Amino acid sequence: MEKLEMLYEGKAKKVYATDDPELLIVDYKDDATAFNGVKKGTIVGKGVINNQMSNRLMQRLARGGVPTHFVKELSERETLVKRVKIVPLEVIVRNISAGSFAKRYGVEEDIVFDQPTIEFSYKNDELGDPLINSTHAMALHLATAEELDTIRRYAFRVNELLREFWASCGITLVDFKLEFGKLADGTIILADEISPDTCRLWDSVTKEKLDKDRFRRDLGGVEDAYAEVMRRLREHDE
């Protein structure tokens, strides 16, 4: 598979064309950002961990009935994926109050919900990725009602599968962000990544934060936390 020109560079990844128009190469970076790019830094080794972790979890999700863009891991930092048109919605599933949810509604962190919540944010950096409801998403032609139903169904299935897996690793899945894309025929599949960048992960016993909140909140030990999550994943991902 020949790697051609760079098509896009985001906050955490670079995307390259290949000699197959339906396949792309994603290259994971060590760059870290928070608060819509206001805070910037580097987490050494993050790209390697996020690439390999995301690939393992994507394969696990595919076995559980959630189609993904994953094709093949090419190297420590590079993965071959299916080309999709990203649906411009961030999909956030929450099991426990934390982060912006706690701040927005004036509640403390660590409230376990009776059932998971789901919310959509409009992917638009200039607007600060505002919350959006499903009728607004349809009004703006971001997704159809059928596509939103599919996205909801897959998002909750991802939550079921990941909660169970992370629990086996001694980790609580607090919340996470997903992105979905459409193949050329319109089929909705899971895209982007699943990593400590996109998930809140707490140690099940100590509730120590093992995710990007350590970077956001200047808690220190960011690299160690990412490495610990990867270590536990390897031990349990047989």
Protein backbone atom coordinates (compact mmCIF):
# COMPACT_ATOMS: atom_id res chain seq x y z
CA MET A 1 0.00 0.00 0.00
CA GLU A 2 1.64 3.22 -1.18
CA LYS A 3 1.39 6.29 1.06
CA LEU A 4 0.68 9.43 -0.96
CA GLU A 5 0.04 13.09 -0.09
CA MET A 6 -1.21 14.28 3.29
CA LEU A 7 -4.89 15.15 3.04
CA TYR A 8 -5.48 16.50 6.52
CA GLU A 9 -3.69 17.27 9.76
CA GLY A 10 -5.76 17.50 12.92
CA LYS A 11 -4.97 17.98 16.59
CA ALA A 12 -3.90 14.37 17.15
CA LYS A 13 -3.55 12.72 13.75
CA LYS A 14 -2.41 13.12 10.16
CA VAL A 15 -4.34 11.49 7.32
CA TYR A 16 -2.74 10.41 4.04
CA ALA A 17 -4.11 9.24 0.70
CA THR A 18 -3.07 5.86 -0.68
CA ASP A 19 -3.05 4.30 -4.13
CA ASP A 20 -6.49 2.90 -3.30
CA PRO A 21 -9.10 5.71 -3.36
CA GLU A 22 -11.20 3.91 -0.73
CA LEU A 23 -8.38 3.53 1.82
CA LEU A 24 -6.43 6.06 3.89
CA ILE A 25 -3.46 5.94 6.27
CA VAL A 26 -3.83 7.56 9.70
CA ASP A 27 -0.63 8.63 11.50
CA TYR A 28 -1.02 9.28 15.24
CA LYS A 29 0.89 12.20 16.77
CA ASP A 30 2.12 12.89 20.32
CA ASP A 31 0.57 16.37 20.26
CA ALA A 32 -2.04 17.02 22.94
CA THR A 33 -4.69 19.72 23.07
CA ALA A 34 -7.53 20.58 25.41
CA PHE A 35 -10.36 23.11 25.66
CA ASN A 36 -10.82 23.27 21.87
CA GLY A 37 -7.11 23.78 21.27
CA VAL A 38 -6.57 26.54 23.84
CA LYS A 39 -4.18 24.35 25.84
CA LYS A 40 -1.44 22.62 23.87
CA GLY A 41 1.37 20.27 24.77
CA THR A 42 3.00 16.93 24.09
CA ILE A 43 2.42 13.54 25.68
CA VAL A 44 5.47 11.46 24.81
CA GLY A 45 4.51 8.10 23.31
CA LYS A 46 0.80 8.95 23.13
CA GLY A 47 0.60 8.37 19.39
CA VAL A 48 1.90 4.83 19.66
CA ILE A 49 -0.42 3.95 22.54
CA ASN A 50 -3.52 5.55 21.02
CA ASN A 51 -2.93 3.89 17.66
CA GLN A 52 -2.44 0.40 19.04
CA MET A 53 -5.14 0.70 21.71
CA SER A 54 -7.70 2.05 19.26
CA ASN A 55 -6.97 -0.72 16.79
CA ARG A 56 -7.42 -3.45 19.40
CA LEU A 57 -10.65 -1.93 20.66
CA MET A 58 -12.02 -1.37 17.14
CA GLN A 59 -11.48 -5.06 16.37
CA ARG A 60 -13.20 -6.02 19.61
CA LEU A 61 -16.16 -3.78 18.76
CA ALA A 62 -16.40 -5.22 15.24
CA ARG A 63 -16.67 -8.71 16.76
CA GLY A 64 -19.48 -7.30 18.93
CA GLY A 65 -21.49 -6.05 15.97
CA VAL A 66 -20.26 -2.48 15.51
CA PRO A 67 -18.75 -1.91 12.04
CA THR A 68 -15.60 0.23 12.06
CA HIS A 69 -13.16 1.88 9.67
CA PHE A 70 -10.23 -0.29 10.85
CA VAL A 71 -8.47 -2.30 8.13
CA LYS A 72 -4.90 -3.04 9.22
CA GLU A 73 -2.23 -1.79 11.60
CA LEU A 74 0.78 -0.79 9.51
CA SER A 75 3.25 0.29 12.20
CA GLU A 76 3.38 1.56 15.77
CA ARG A 77 1.85 4.87 14.69
CA GLU A 78 0.16 4.18 11.35
CA THR A 79 -3.05 2.35 10.50
CA LEU A 80 -4.88 1.65 7.25
CA VAL A 81 -8.55 2.65 7.44
CA LYS A 82 -11.58 2.86 5.17
CA ARG A 83 -12.22 6.27 3.67
CA VAL A 84 -15.37 7.80 5.12
CA LYS A 85 -17.14 11.12 5.08
CA ILE A 86 -17.25 12.09 8.74
CA VAL A 87 -20.69 12.90 10.12
CA PRO A 88 -20.07 16.33 11.74
CA LEU A 89 -21.32 15.26 15.15
CA GLU A 90 -19.40 14.31 18.25
CA VAL A 91 -21.33 11.61 20.06
CA ILE A 92 -20.78 11.56 23.83
CA VAL A 93 -22.00 8.68 26.00
CA ARG A 94 -21.85 9.12 29.77
CA ASN A 95 -22.18 6.57 32.58
CA ILE A 96 -21.06 8.81 35.45
CA SER A 97 -21.11 12.60 35.94
CA ALA A 98 -17.77 14.24 35.13
CA GLY A 99 -16.15 17.02 33.14
CA SER A 100 -18.42 19.36 31.20
CA PHE A 101 -21.58 17.52 32.30
CA ALA A 102 -20.86 18.20 35.97
CA LYS A 103 -19.91 21.81 35.23
CA ARG A 104 -22.86 22.50 32.93
CA TYR A 105 -25.50 21.21 35.32
CA GLY A 106 -23.85 22.21 38.59
CA VAL A 107 -23.49 18.70 40.00
CA GLU A 108 -20.53 16.96 41.57
CA GLU A 109 -18.47 14.40 39.72
CA ASP A 110 -18.86 10.65 40.30
CA ILE A 111 -22.67 10.43 40.27
CA VAL A 112 -23.47 7.04 38.73
CA PHE A 113 -26.42 7.37 36.35
CA ASP A 114 -29.38 4.98 36.41
CA GLN A 115 -28.86 4.56 32.69
CA PRO A 116 -26.31 5.94 30.21
CA THR A 117 -26.89 9.35 28.65
CA ILE A 118 -26.11 10.39 25.09
CA GLU A 119 -25.52 13.84 23.66
CA PHE A 120 -24.43 15.31 20.35
CA SER A 121 -22.06 18.20 19.72
CA TYR A 122 -21.84 19.97 16.37
CA LYS A 123 -18.25 19.50 15.13
CA ASN A 124 -17.34 23.11 14.48
CA ASP A 125 -14.21 24.57 16.08
CA GLU A 126 -15.21 28.17 15.31
CA LEU A 127 -18.44 27.72 17.28
CA GLY A 128 -16.77 25.74 20.06
CA ASP A 129 -18.49 22.42 19.23
CA PRO A 130 -21.88 23.42 20.71
CA LEU A 131 -24.40 20.90 22.00
CA ILE A 132 -27.06 20.11 19.42
CA ASN A 133 -30.24 18.03 19.50
CA SER A 134 -31.37 15.57 16.86
CA THR A 135 -33.95 17.87 15.26
CA HIS A 136 -31.36 20.62 14.92
CA ALA A 137 -28.95 18.11 13.36
CA MET A 138 -31.61 17.20 10.82
CA ALA A 139 -32.48 20.87 10.18
CA LEU A 140 -28.81 21.56 9.39
CA HIS A 141 -28.64 18.43 7.21
CA LEU A 142 -25.85 16.97 9.33
CA ALA A 143 -27.58 13.58 9.46
CA THR A 144 -30.95 12.02 8.65
CA ALA A 145 -33.33 10.61 11.25
CA GLU A 146 -32.37 7.09 10.15
CA GLU A 147 -28.65 7.87 10.42
CA LEU A 148 -29.13 9.32 13.90
CA ASP A 149 -31.00 6.19 15.00
CA THR A 150 -28.15 4.04 13.70
CA ILE A 151 -25.57 6.20 15.45
CA ARG A 152 -27.46 6.01 18.76
CA ARG A 153 -27.79 2.25 18.49
CA TYR A 154 -24.11 1.77 17.75
CA ALA A 155 -23.04 4.24 20.46
CA PHE A 156 -24.95 2.40 23.17
CA ARG A 157 -23.62 -0.94 21.90
CA VAL A 158 -20.08 0.45 22.09
CA ASN A 159 -20.81 1.45 25.68
CA GLU A 160 -22.02 -2.04 26.59
CA LEU A 161 -18.97 -3.69 25.09
CA LEU A 162 -16.38 -1.25 26.41
CA ARG A 163 -17.82 -1.02 29.94
CA GLU A 164 -17.60 -4.78 30.26
CA PHE A 165 -14.10 -4.97 28.84
CA TRP A 166 -12.66 -2.10 30.85
CA ALA A 167 -14.24 -3.50 34.02
CA SER A 168 -12.27 -6.72 33.42
CA CYS A 169 -9.15 -4.52 33.37
CA GLY A 170 -10.02 -2.89 36.71
CA ILE A 171 -11.04 0.33 34.95
CA THR A 172 -14.34 2.22 35.09
CA LEU A 173 -15.56 3.72 31.82
CA VAL A 174 -16.91 7.10 32.92
CA ASP A 175 -17.71 8.61 29.52
CA PHE A 176 -16.37 8.76 25.98
CA LYS A 177 -16.62 10.53 22.63
CA LEU A 178 -17.22 8.79 19.31
CA GLU A 179 -17.24 9.91 15.71
CA PHE A 180 -18.98 8.14 12.86
CA GLY A 181 -18.53 8.28 9.12
CA LYS A 182 -20.29 7.23 5.95
CA LEU A 183 -18.84 4.93 3.32
CA ALA A 184 -19.36 5.74 -0.35
CA ASP A 185 -22.64 3.77 -0.31
CA GLY A 186 -23.91 5.70 2.73
CA THR A 187 -23.29 2.95 5.29
CA ILE A 188 -22.62 4.34 8.78
CA ILE A 189 -19.51 2.99 10.52
CA LEU A 190 -17.46 3.93 13.58
CA ALA A 191 -14.41 6.07 12.76
CA ASP A 192 -11.80 8.24 14.53
CA GLU A 193 -10.25 6.57 17.63
CA ILE A 194 -10.93 5.09 21.05
CA SER A 195 -8.21 5.95 23.55
CA PRO A 196 -7.44 7.84 26.79
CA ASP A 197 -7.74 10.97 24.61
CA THR A 198 -11.40 10.26 23.93
CA CYS A 199 -12.48 8.30 27.04
CA ARG A 200 -12.58 9.07 30.75
CA LEU A 201 -11.08 6.04 32.46
CA TRP A 202 -10.81 5.73 36.25
CA ASP A 203 -9.16 3.02 38.28
CA SER A 204 -12.06 0.96 39.61
CA VAL A 205 -10.70 0.88 43.17
CA THR A 206 -8.82 4.15 43.71
CA LYS A 207 -10.73 6.23 41.10
CA GLU A 208 -7.38 7.56 39.93
CA LYS A 209 -7.77 9.28 36.56
CA LEU A 210 -6.05 7.34 33.77
CA ASP A 211 -6.89 9.58 30.81
CA LYS A 212 -6.40 13.03 29.24
CA ASP A 213 -7.90 14.74 32.30
CA ARG A 214 -4.41 14.40 33.79
CA PHE A 215 -3.24 16.73 31.00
CA ARG A 216 -6.31 19.00 31.09
CA ARG A 217 -6.07 19.52 34.86
CA ASP A 218 -2.27 19.54 35.22
CA LEU A 219 -2.35 16.47 37.46
CA GLY A 220 1.00 15.15 36.22
CA GLY A 221 1.84 11.53 35.41
CA VAL A 222 0.11 11.71 32.03
CA GLU A 223 2.50 9.38 30.20
CA ASP A 224 2.42 6.88 33.08
CA ALA A 225 -1.39 6.85 33.07
CA TYR A 226 -1.61 6.15 29.33
CA ALA A 227 1.03 3.42 29.65
CA GLU A 228 -0.86 1.84 32.55
CA VAL A 229 -4.09 1.68 30.55
CA MET A 230 -2.21 0.06 27.66
CA ARG A 231 -0.56 -2.44 30.00
CA ARG A 232 -3.92 -3.52 31.41
CA LEU A 233 -5.45 -3.73 27.95
CA ARG A 234 -2.67 -6.01 26.73
CA GLU A 235 -3.06 -8.26 29.75
CA HIS A 236 -6.78 -8.75 29.19
CA ASP A 237 -7.15 -8.52 25.41
CA GLU A 238 -6.56 -12.17 24.60
